[in-house]
Amino acid sequence: MSIKKRGLGRGLEALLGVDAAPGLAPAEEVRALPIELIQKGRHQPRLDLRPEALEDLAQSIRAQGVVQPIVVRPLGGGQRYELIAGERRWRASQLAGLHEIPAIVRDVTDAVALSIALIENIQREDLNPLEEATAFSRLVNEFSMTHQEVADAVGRSRAAVSNLLRLLELQEEVKRKLEAGDLEMGHARALLALEGRTQIEAAQRVVAQRLSVRESERLVRRLQEAKPADEQPPKDPNIAALEQQISERLGAKTSVRHDGHGRGSVVIYYTSLDELDGILNHIK
């Protein structure tokens, strides 16, 4: 499997064992398997396989062949195989007219198959932020991995993982705009400060007016300040900006309270003890 330069961290090795991590173990070899004997994996994360991107890859394969082998596991005594990693290469090879494809055959459990597929999916360069967040969420929920373990496994910081997971708190309509590429990660982070219909309407304005991330942050601050007095008092724009900076640094929602006399407090919100542990480790 193709690995980005940042590489896999020790978290995945701890989860799967060194021999199970995506890559070629010393005892394994690459085999040429008939494409028609390979079926799509049951545990494949959802991939956005754009036809034009597949055709580009197919042209490359026609010219250079499949550079990185796919990973499969045997089914029915080895008569057929289930794809674990490399769906784009497998589909593009079919488009290119190949009859065989280089593959690593690995006899692994459902859990390991899922984890390998997820890690490869996370490390795809064209994965959008929401797809990454969904994959991180599956690692957390299905494998009981902490945010730090996920970060170690995919070569990211814990704060980056936590910030991506926060995207799942967005309103569904806003998620769709992020998934479609109408919003960038920076836009989404700013919009997280809003809730409900206000968040949706702000996202619509960002897209319609083609606002930059900085302009979107200013829009969010104006909307926060415009809330009725009985909902919450107006927040100083500088305090709102400081809250966002701290939240992004820690990967958690924060609130800064300042009384104007040099005194105040910083409140850090968390949704689980795991998240709290990660925040504390980040502060140390």
C-alpha atoms as a PDB file:
ATOM      1  CA  MET A   1       0.000   0.000   0.000  1.00  0.00           C
ATOM      2  CA  SER A   2       1.183   3.469  -0.762  1.00  0.00           C
ATOM      3  CA  ILE A   3       2.132   5.324   2.415  1.00  0.00           C
ATOM      4  CA  LYS A   4       2.463   9.086   2.619  1.00  0.00           C
ATOM      5  CA  LYS A   5       5.698  10.579   3.851  1.00  0.00           C
ATOM      6  CA  ARG A   6       4.311  11.203   7.308  1.00  0.00           C
ATOM      7  CA  GLY A   7       3.963   7.394   7.614  1.00  0.00           C
ATOM      8  CA  LEU A   8       2.126   5.216  10.039  1.00  0.00           C
ATOM      9  CA  GLY A   9       2.657   5.817  13.719  1.00  0.00           C
ATOM     10  CA  ARG A  10       3.113   3.247  16.432  1.00  0.00           C
ATOM     11  CA  GLY A  11      -0.589   3.379  17.304  1.00  0.00           C
ATOM     12  CA  LEU A  12      -1.556   1.167  14.371  1.00  0.00           C
ATOM     13  CA  GLU A  13       1.207  -1.296  15.121  1.00  0.00           C
ATOM     14  CA  ALA A  14      -0.044  -1.505  18.697  1.00  0.00           C
ATOM     15  CA  LEU A  15      -3.559  -2.121  17.438  1.00  0.00           C
ATOM     16  CA  LEU A  16      -2.797  -4.696  14.757  1.00  0.00           C
ATOM     17  CA  GLY A  17       0.665  -6.020  15.487  1.00  0.00           C
ATOM     18  CA  VAL A  18       3.668  -5.257  13.267  1.00  0.00           C
ATOM     19  CA  ASP A  19       2.896  -8.065  10.821  1.00  0.00           C
ATOM     20  CA  ALA A  20      -0.668  -6.849  10.351  1.00  0.00           C
ATOM     21  CA  ALA A  21       0.135  -3.237   9.582  1.00  0.00           C
ATOM     22  CA  PRO A  22      -0.370  -2.166   5.954  1.00  0.00           C
ATOM     23  CA  GLY A  23       2.838  -2.914   4.144  1.00  0.00           C
ATOM     24  CA  LEU A  24       4.907  -5.918   3.172  1.00  0.00           C
ATOM     25  CA  ALA A  25       6.001  -8.104   6.085  1.00  0.00           C
ATOM     26  CA  PRO A  26       9.274 -10.025   5.685  1.00  0.00           C
ATOM     27  CA  ALA A  27       7.510 -13.370   5.039  1.00  0.00           C
ATOM     28  CA  GLU A  28       5.086 -11.988   2.438  1.00  0.00           C
ATOM     29  CA  GLU A  29       5.443 -11.837  -1.303  1.00  0.00           C
ATOM     30  CA  VAL A  30       3.628 -10.063  -4.089  1.00  0.00           C
ATOM     31  CA  ARG A  31       1.531 -12.375  -6.248  1.00  0.00           C
ATOM     32  CA  ALA A  32      -0.172 -11.792  -9.602  1.00  0.00           C
ATOM     33  CA  LEU A  33      -3.864 -12.588  -9.084  1.00  0.00           C
ATOM     34  CA  PRO A  34      -6.603 -12.803 -11.727  1.00  0.00           C
ATOM     35  CA  ILE A  35      -8.743  -9.673 -11.366  1.00  0.00           C
ATOM     36  CA  GLU A  36     -11.987 -11.618 -11.813  1.00  0.00           C
ATOM     37  CA  LEU A  37     -11.241 -13.622  -8.636  1.00  0.00           C
ATOM     38  CA  ILE A  38     -11.194 -10.459  -6.484  1.00  0.00           C
ATOM     39  CA  GLN A  39     -14.350  -8.944  -5.018  1.00  0.00           C
ATOM     40  CA  LYS A  40     -14.901  -5.656  -3.239  1.00  0.00           C
ATOM     41  CA  GLY A  41     -14.294  -5.812   0.509  1.00  0.00           C
ATOM     42  CA  ARG A  42     -17.224  -5.783   2.907  1.00  0.00           C
ATOM     43  CA  HIS A  43     -15.310  -3.416   5.163  1.00  0.00           C
ATOM     44  CA  GLN A  44     -14.244  -0.879   2.534  1.00  0.00           C
ATOM     45  CA  PRO A  45     -14.911   2.693   3.708  1.00  0.00           C
ATOM     46  CA  ARG A  46     -16.953   4.771   1.288  1.00  0.00           C
ATOM     47  CA  LEU A  47     -14.738   6.086  -1.486  1.00  0.00           C
ATOM     48  CA  ASP A  48     -15.527   8.968  -3.811  1.00  0.00           C
ATOM     49  CA  LEU A  49     -14.330   7.258  -6.986  1.00  0.00           C
ATOM     50  CA  ARG A  50     -14.711   9.972  -9.601  1.00  0.00           C
ATOM     51  CA  PRO A  51     -14.783   8.540 -13.154  1.00  0.00           C
ATOM     52  CA  GLU A  52     -12.277  11.080 -14.477  1.00  0.00           C
ATOM     53  CA  ALA A  53      -9.803  10.296 -11.672  1.00  0.00           C
ATOM     54  CA  LEU A  54     -10.150   6.550 -12.320  1.00  0.00           C
ATOM     55  CA  GLU A  55      -9.538   7.063 -16.033  1.00  0.00           C
ATOM     56  CA  ASP A  56      -6.375   9.071 -15.279  1.00  0.00           C
ATOM     57  CA  LEU A  57      -5.129   6.270 -13.057  1.00  0.00           C
ATOM     58  CA  ALA A  58      -6.062   3.682 -15.710  1.00  0.00           C
ATOM     59  CA  GLN A  59      -3.941   5.553 -18.281  1.00  0.00           C
ATOM     60  CA  SER A  60      -1.009   5.571 -15.860  1.00  0.00           C
ATOM     61  CA  ILE A  61      -1.442   1.837 -15.274  1.00  0.00           C
ATOM     62  CA  ARG A  62      -1.501   1.169 -19.031  1.00  0.00           C
ATOM     63  CA  ALA A  63       1.826   3.002 -19.313  1.00  0.00           C
ATOM     64  CA  GLN A  64       3.618   1.874 -16.151  1.00  0.00           C
ATOM     65  CA  GLY A  65       1.607  -0.994 -14.671  1.00  0.00           C
ATOM     66  CA  VAL A  66       0.408  -1.179 -11.074  1.00  0.00           C
ATOM     67  CA  VAL A  67       3.272   0.239  -9.006  1.00  0.00           C
ATOM     68  CA  GLN A  68       1.865  -0.558  -5.536  1.00  0.00           C
ATOM     69  CA  PRO A  69       0.239  -3.964  -4.938  1.00  0.00           C
ATOM     70  CA  ILE A  70      -3.261  -4.188  -3.521  1.00  0.00           C
ATOM     71  CA  VAL A  71      -3.963  -6.101  -0.288  1.00  0.00           C
ATOM     72  CA  VAL A  72      -6.496  -8.965  -0.266  1.00  0.00           C
ATOM     73  CA  ARG A  73      -7.511 -11.842   1.970  1.00  0.00           C
ATOM     74  CA  PRO A  74      -8.496 -15.357   0.858  1.00  0.00           C
ATOM     75  CA  LEU A  75     -12.112 -16.507   0.721  1.00  0.00           C
ATOM     76  CA  GLY A  76     -13.423 -20.052   0.422  1.00  0.00           C
ATOM     77  CA  GLY A  77     -10.109 -21.788   0.741  1.00  0.00           C
ATOM     78  CA  GLY A  78      -8.279 -19.354  -1.484  1.00  0.00           C
ATOM     79  CA  GLN A  79     -10.437 -19.821  -4.583  1.00  0.00           C
ATOM     80  CA  ARG A  80     -11.527 -16.177  -4.413  1.00  0.00           C
ATOM     81  CA  TYR A  81     -10.204 -13.077  -2.660  1.00  0.00           C
ATOM     82  CA  GLU A  82     -11.698 -10.107  -0.826  1.00  0.00           C
ATOM     83  CA  LEU A  83     -10.195  -6.672  -1.335  1.00  0.00           C
ATOM     84  CA  ILE A  84      -8.818  -5.026   1.805  1.00  0.00           C
ATOM     85  CA  ALA A  85      -6.850  -2.086   0.437  1.00  0.00           C
ATOM     86  CA  GLY A  86      -6.387  -0.600  -3.023  1.00  0.00           C
ATOM     87  CA  GLU A  87      -9.887  -0.272  -4.467  1.00  0.00           C
ATOM     88  CA  ARG A  88      -8.911   2.563  -6.818  1.00  0.00           C
ATOM     89  CA  ARG A  89      -5.992   0.545  -8.228  1.00  0.00           C
ATOM     90  CA  TRP A  90      -8.246  -2.518  -8.607  1.00  0.00           C
ATOM     91  CA  ARG A  91     -10.995  -0.630 -10.447  1.00  0.00           C
ATOM     92  CA  ALA A  92      -8.559   1.340 -12.592  1.00  0.00           C
ATOM     93  CA  SER A  93      -6.797  -1.893 -13.562  1.00  0.00           C
ATOM     94  CA  GLN A  94     -10.119  -3.246 -14.822  1.00  0.00           C
ATOM     95  CA  LEU A  95     -10.582  -0.070 -16.893  1.00  0.00           C
ATOM     96  CA  ALA A  96      -7.050  -0.489 -18.235  1.00  0.00           C
ATOM     97  CA  GLY A  97      -7.936  -3.990 -19.457  1.00  0.00           C
ATOM     98  CA  LEU A  98      -5.568  -5.877 -17.150  1.00  0.00           C
ATOM     99  CA  HIS A  99      -6.318  -9.533 -16.446  1.00  0.00           C
ATOM    100  CA  GLU A 100      -3.997  -9.805 -13.439  1.00  0.00           C
ATOM    101  CA  ILE A 101      -2.981  -7.434 -10.667  1.00  0.00           C
ATOM    102  CA  PRO A 102      -0.089  -7.582  -8.162  1.00  0.00           C
ATOM    103  CA  ALA A 103      -1.413  -8.346  -4.697  1.00  0.00           C
ATOM    104  CA  ILE A 104      -0.353  -9.178  -1.176  1.00  0.00           C
ATOM    105  CA  VAL A 105      -2.467 -12.020   0.228  1.00  0.00           C
ATOM    106  CA  ARG A 106      -3.040 -11.670   3.952  1.00  0.00           C
ATOM    107  CA  ASP A 107      -5.215 -13.952   6.068  1.00  0.00           C
ATOM    108  CA  VAL A 108      -6.627 -11.540   8.653  1.00  0.00           C
ATOM    109  CA  THR A 109      -9.721 -11.133  10.806  1.00  0.00           C
ATOM    110  CA  ASP A 110     -12.640  -8.823  10.033  1.00  0.00           C
ATOM    111  CA  ALA A 111     -11.351  -6.317  12.590  1.00  0.00           C
ATOM    112  CA  VAL A 112      -7.880  -6.149  11.052  1.00  0.00           C
ATOM    113  CA  ALA A 113      -9.334  -5.962   7.531  1.00  0.00           C
ATOM    114  CA  LEU A 114     -11.473  -3.012   8.545  1.00  0.00           C
ATOM    115  CA  SER A 115      -8.612  -1.204  10.273  1.00  0.00           C
ATOM    116  CA  ILE A 116      -6.257  -1.607   7.302  1.00  0.00           C
ATOM    117  CA  ALA A 117      -8.956  -0.309   4.947  1.00  0.00           C
ATOM    118  CA  LEU A 118      -9.642   2.653   7.219  1.00  0.00           C
ATOM    119  CA  ILE A 119      -5.994   3.617   7.584  1.00  0.00           C
ATOM    120  CA  GLU A 120      -5.428   3.487   3.833  1.00  0.00           C
ATOM    121  CA  ASN A 121      -8.565   5.518   3.282  1.00  0.00           C
ATOM    122  CA  ILE A 122      -7.433   8.146   5.802  1.00  0.00           C
ATOM    123  CA  GLN A 123      -4.050   8.433   4.110  1.00  0.00           C
ATOM    124  CA  ARG A 124      -5.447   9.026   0.626  1.00  0.00           C
ATOM    125  CA  GLU A 125      -4.346  12.481  -0.509  1.00  0.00           C
ATOM    126  CA  ASP A 126      -7.760  13.380  -1.977  1.00  0.00           C
ATOM    127  CA  LEU A 127      -9.838  12.468   1.074  1.00  0.00           C
ATOM    128  CA  ASN A 128     -11.991  15.405   2.150  1.00  0.00           C
ATOM    129  CA  PRO A 129     -12.011  16.542   5.816  1.00  0.00           C
ATOM    130  CA  LEU A 130     -15.438  15.071   6.556  1.00  0.00           C
ATOM    131  CA  GLU A 131     -14.437  11.674   5.163  1.00  0.00           C
ATOM    132  CA  GLU A 132     -11.324  11.780   7.327  1.00  0.00           C
ATOM    133  CA  ALA A 133     -13.429  12.689  10.369  1.00  0.00           C
ATOM    134  CA  THR A 134     -15.801   9.792   9.680  1.00  0.00           C
ATOM    135  CA  ALA A 135     -12.888   7.365   9.380  1.00  0.00           C
ATOM    136  CA  PHE A 136     -11.370   8.672  12.639  1.00  0.00           C
ATOM    137  CA  SER A 137     -14.744   8.238  14.319  1.00  0.00           C
ATOM    138  CA  ARG A 138     -14.919   4.592  13.233  1.00  0.00           C
ATOM    139  CA  LEU A 139     -11.454   3.933  14.677  1.00  0.00           C
ATOM    140  CA  VAL A 140     -12.534   5.528  17.958  1.00  0.00           C
ATOM    141  CA  ASN A 141     -15.923   3.827  18.193  1.00  0.00           C
ATOM    142  CA  GLU A 142     -15.235   0.409  16.633  1.00  0.00           C
ATOM    143  CA  PHE A 143     -11.727  -0.139  18.033  1.00  0.00           C
ATOM    144  CA  SER A 144     -11.972   1.916  21.248  1.00  0.00           C
ATOM    145  CA  MET A 145      -8.903   3.879  20.174  1.00  0.00           C
ATOM    146  CA  THR A 146      -8.133   7.119  21.982  1.00  0.00           C
ATOM    147  CA  HIS A 147      -7.647  10.337  20.029  1.00  0.00           C
ATOM    148  CA  GLN A 148      -3.916  10.058  20.715  1.00  0.00           C
ATOM    149  CA  GLU A 149      -3.774   6.476  19.395  1.00  0.00           C
ATOM    150  CA  VAL A 150      -5.572   7.532  16.218  1.00  0.00           C
ATOM    151  CA  ALA A 151      -3.138  10.435  15.873  1.00  0.00           C
ATOM    152  CA  ASP A 152      -0.165   8.096  16.278  1.00  0.00           C
ATOM    153  CA  ALA A 153      -1.616   5.639  13.752  1.00  0.00           C
ATOM    154  CA  VAL A 154      -2.101   8.194  10.985  1.00  0.00           C
ATOM    155  CA  GLY A 155       0.846  10.478  11.712  1.00  0.00           C
ATOM    156  CA  ARG A 156      -1.147  13.505  12.867  1.00  0.00           C
ATOM    157  CA  SER A 157      -1.208  15.551  16.053  1.00  0.00           C
ATOM    158  CA  ARG A 158      -3.877  14.774  18.635  1.00  0.00           C
ATOM    159  CA  ALA A 159      -5.276  18.294  18.240  1.00  0.00           C
ATOM    160  CA  ALA A 160      -5.626  17.783  14.475  1.00  0.00           C
ATOM    161  CA  VAL A 161      -7.553  14.555  15.039  1.00  0.00           C
ATOM    162  CA  SER A 162      -9.815  16.175  17.652  1.00  0.00           C
ATOM    163  CA  ASN A 163     -10.466  19.175  15.406  1.00  0.00           C
ATOM    164  CA  LEU A 164     -11.451  16.902  12.534  1.00  0.00           C
ATOM    165  CA  LEU A 165     -13.776  14.889  14.765  1.00  0.00           C
ATOM    166  CA  ARG A 166     -15.526  18.117  15.756  1.00  0.00           C
ATOM    167  CA  LEU A 167     -16.643  18.470  12.126  1.00  0.00           C
ATOM    168  CA  LEU A 168     -19.137  15.673  12.762  1.00  0.00           C
ATOM    169  CA  GLU A 169     -21.007  18.122  15.023  1.00  0.00           C
ATOM    170  CA  LEU A 170     -21.869  20.330  12.029  1.00  0.00           C
ATOM    171  CA  GLN A 171     -25.445  20.550  10.763  1.00  0.00           C
ATOM    172  CA  GLU A 172     -26.167  18.024   7.996  1.00  0.00           C
ATOM    173  CA  GLU A 173     -26.622  20.696   5.321  1.00  0.00           C
ATOM    174  CA  VAL A 174     -23.290  22.243   6.268  1.00  0.00           C
ATOM    175  CA  LYS A 175     -21.633  18.808   6.143  1.00  0.00           C
ATOM    176  CA  ARG A 176     -22.908  18.343   2.599  1.00  0.00           C
ATOM    177  CA  LYS A 177     -21.374  21.653   1.537  1.00  0.00           C
ATOM    178  CA  LEU A 178     -18.045  20.641   3.085  1.00  0.00           C
ATOM    179  CA  GLU A 179     -18.195  17.237   1.416  1.00  0.00           C
ATOM    180  CA  ALA A 180     -18.957  18.827  -1.956  1.00  0.00           C
ATOM    181  CA  GLY A 181     -15.976  21.155  -1.625  1.00  0.00           C
ATOM    182  CA  ASP A 182     -18.084  24.310  -1.355  1.00  0.00           C
ATOM    183  CA  LEU A 183     -16.592  24.921   2.098  1.00  0.00           C
ATOM    184  CA  GLU A 184     -13.008  24.495   3.243  1.00  0.00           C
ATOM    185  CA  MET A 185     -11.801  23.131   6.561  1.00  0.00           C
ATOM    186  CA  GLY A 186     -11.198  26.672   7.847  1.00  0.00           C
ATOM    187  CA  HIS A 187     -14.758  27.696   7.003  1.00  0.00           C
ATOM    188  CA  ALA A 188     -16.122  24.653   8.835  1.00  0.00           C
ATOM    189  CA  ARG A 189     -14.042  25.350  11.956  1.00  0.00           C
ATOM    190  CA  ALA A 190     -15.400  28.885  12.104  1.00  0.00           C
ATOM    191  CA  LEU A 191     -19.001  27.732  11.621  1.00  0.00           C
ATOM    192  CA  LEU A 192     -18.724  25.310  14.551  1.00  0.00           C
ATOM    193  CA  ALA A 193     -19.132  28.325  16.842  1.00  0.00           C
ATOM    194  CA  LEU A 194     -22.732  28.642  15.615  1.00  0.00           C
ATOM    195  CA  GLU A 195     -25.660  26.320  16.129  1.00  0.00           C
ATOM    196  CA  GLY A 196     -28.785  25.155  14.347  1.00  0.00           C
ATOM    197  CA  ARG A 197     -30.362  27.308  11.684  1.00  0.00           C
ATOM    198  CA  THR A 198     -27.894  30.129  12.302  1.00  0.00           C
ATOM    199  CA  GLN A 199     -25.040  27.847  11.295  1.00  0.00           C
ATOM    200  CA  ILE A 200     -26.845  26.725   8.132  1.00  0.00           C
ATOM    201  CA  GLU A 201     -27.678  30.272   7.060  1.00  0.00           C
ATOM    202  CA  ALA A 202     -24.113  31.408   7.724  1.00  0.00           C
ATOM    203  CA  ALA A 203     -22.783  28.539   5.578  1.00  0.00           C
ATOM    204  CA  GLN A 204     -25.137  29.566   2.775  1.00  0.00           C
ATOM    205  CA  ARG A 205     -23.799  33.137   2.933  1.00  0.00           C
ATOM    206  CA  VAL A 206     -20.195  31.914   2.915  1.00  0.00           C
ATOM    207  CA  VAL A 207     -20.827  29.904  -0.254  1.00  0.00           C
ATOM    208  CA  ALA A 208     -23.027  32.473  -2.005  1.00  0.00           C
ATOM    209  CA  GLN A 209     -20.662  35.377  -1.314  1.00  0.00           C
ATOM    210  CA  ARG A 210     -17.498  33.279  -1.736  1.00  0.00           C
ATOM    211  CA  LEU A 211     -16.150  34.472   1.577  1.00  0.00           C
ATOM    212  CA  SER A 212     -12.586  33.694   2.597  1.00  0.00           C
ATOM    213  CA  VAL A 213     -11.887  31.918   5.871  1.00  0.00           C
ATOM    214  CA  ARG A 214     -11.016  35.223   7.578  1.00  0.00           C
ATOM    215  CA  GLU A 215     -14.181  36.838   6.239  1.00  0.00           C
ATOM    216  CA  SER A 216     -16.177  33.851   7.468  1.00  0.00           C
ATOM    217  CA  GLU A 217     -14.673  34.199  10.935  1.00  0.00           C
ATOM    218  CA  ARG A 218     -15.720  37.859  11.000  1.00  0.00           C
ATOM    219  CA  LEU A 219     -19.224  36.878   9.873  1.00  0.00           C
ATOM    220  CA  VAL A 220     -19.482  34.339  12.691  1.00  0.00           C
ATOM    221  CA  ARG A 221     -18.379  36.936  15.248  1.00  0.00           C
ATOM    222  CA  ARG A 222     -20.985  39.410  13.980  1.00  0.00           C
ATOM    223  CA  LEU A 223     -23.709  36.782  14.220  1.00  0.00           C
ATOM    224  CA  GLN A 224     -22.647  35.912  17.767  1.00  0.00           C
ATOM    225  CA  GLU A 225     -22.719  39.563  18.772  1.00  0.00           C
ATOM    226  CA  ALA A 226     -26.155  40.019  17.190  1.00  0.00           C
ATOM    227  CA  LYS A 227     -27.861  37.488  19.495  1.00  0.00           C
ATOM    228  CA  PRO A 228     -30.647  38.945  21.687  1.00  0.00           C
ATOM    229  CA  ALA A 229     -29.570  40.146  25.120  1.00  0.00           C
ATOM    230  CA  ASP A 230     -31.703  37.519  26.851  1.00  0.00           C
ATOM    231  CA  GLU A 231     -29.863  34.740  24.995  1.00  0.00           C
ATOM    232  CA  GLN A 232     -26.351  35.873  25.840  1.00  0.00           C
ATOM    233  CA  PRO A 233     -24.537  39.179  26.231  1.00  0.00           C
ATOM    234  CA  PRO A 234     -22.526  40.488  23.283  1.00  0.00           C
ATOM    235  CA  LYS A 235     -19.066  38.959  23.152  1.00  0.00           C
ATOM    236  CA  ASP A 236     -15.988  41.054  22.550  1.00  0.00           C
ATOM    237  CA  PRO A 237     -14.620  40.153  19.079  1.00  0.00           C
ATOM    238  CA  ASN A 238     -11.124  39.807  20.539  1.00  0.00           C
ATOM    239  CA  ILE A 239     -12.377  37.336  23.135  1.00  0.00           C
ATOM    240  CA  ALA A 240     -14.222  35.364  20.427  1.00  0.00           C
ATOM    241  CA  ALA A 241     -11.036  35.230  18.331  1.00  0.00           C
ATOM    242  CA  LEU A 242      -9.031  34.100  21.359  1.00  0.00           C
ATOM    243  CA  GLU A 243     -11.556  31.333  22.063  1.00  0.00           C
ATOM    244  CA  GLN A 244     -11.221  30.050  18.521  1.00  0.00           C
ATOM    245  CA  GLN A 245      -7.412  30.083  18.685  1.00  0.00           C
ATOM    246  CA  ILE A 246      -7.392  28.131  21.955  1.00  0.00           C
ATOM    247  CA  SER A 247     -10.015  25.676  20.652  1.00  0.00           C
ATOM    248  CA  GLU A 248      -7.969  24.943  17.537  1.00  0.00           C
ATOM    249  CA  ARG A 249      -4.766  24.563  19.553  1.00  0.00           C
ATOM    250  CA  LEU A 250      -6.320  22.138  22.052  1.00  0.00           C
ATOM    251  CA  GLY A 251      -8.764  20.453  19.697  1.00  0.00           C
ATOM    252  CA  ALA A 252     -11.646  21.167  22.079  1.00  0.00           C
ATOM    253  CA  LYS A 253     -14.336  23.794  22.518  1.00  0.00           C
ATOM    254  CA  THR A 254     -13.324  26.542  24.966  1.00  0.00           C
ATOM    255  CA  SER A 255     -14.883  29.614  26.529  1.00  0.00           C
ATOM    256  CA  VAL A 256     -12.984  32.661  27.800  1.00  0.00           C
ATOM    257  CA  ARG A 257     -14.604  34.849  30.459  1.00  0.00           C
ATOM    258  CA  HIS A 258     -13.045  38.218  31.203  1.00  0.00           C
ATOM    259  CA  ASP A 259     -14.372  40.786  33.676  1.00  0.00           C
ATOM    260  CA  GLY A 260     -12.462  43.766  32.296  1.00  0.00           C
ATOM    261  CA  HIS A 261     -10.295  44.117  35.433  1.00  0.00           C
ATOM    262  CA  GLY A 262      -7.611  41.674  34.409  1.00  0.00           C
ATOM    263  CA  ARG A 263      -9.419  38.700  35.936  1.00  0.00           C
ATOM    264  CA  GLY A 264     -11.277  35.864  34.248  1.00  0.00           C
ATOM    265  CA  SER A 265     -11.346  32.176  33.476  1.00  0.00           C
ATOM    266  CA  VAL A 266     -10.877  29.749  30.611  1.00  0.00           C
ATOM    267  CA  VAL A 267     -13.401  26.901  30.414  1.00  0.00           C
ATOM    268  CA  ILE A 268     -12.466  23.811  28.372  1.00  0.00           C
ATOM    269  CA  TYR A 269     -15.327  21.538  27.316  1.00  0.00           C
ATOM    270  CA  TYR A 270     -14.873  17.804  26.732  1.00  0.00           C
ATOM    271  CA  THR A 271     -17.230  14.959  25.873  1.00  0.00           C
ATOM    272  CA  SER A 272     -15.296  11.992  27.257  1.00  0.00           C
ATOM    273  CA  LEU A 273     -12.508  11.146  29.683  1.00  0.00           C
ATOM    274  CA  ASP A 274     -10.412  10.113  26.689  1.00  0.00           C
ATOM    275  CA  GLU A 275     -10.752  13.585  25.215  1.00  0.00           C
ATOM    276  CA  LEU A 276      -9.902  15.147  28.591  1.00  0.00           C
ATOM    277  CA  ASP A 277      -6.820  12.950  28.874  1.00  0.00           C
ATOM    278  CA  GLY A 278      -5.681  14.058  25.432  1.00  0.00           C
ATOM    279  CA  ILE A 279      -6.194  17.719  26.327  1.00  0.00           C
ATOM    280  CA  LEU A 280      -4.186  17.343  29.533  1.00  0.00           C
ATOM    281  CA  ASN A 281      -1.357  15.583  27.699  1.00  0.00           C
ATOM    282  CA  HIS A 282      -1.323  18.398  25.142  1.00  0.00           C
ATOM    283  CA  ILE A 283      -1.063  21.044  27.867  1.00  0.00           C
ATOM    284  CA  LYS A 284       1.808  19.306  29.680  1.00  0.00           C
END
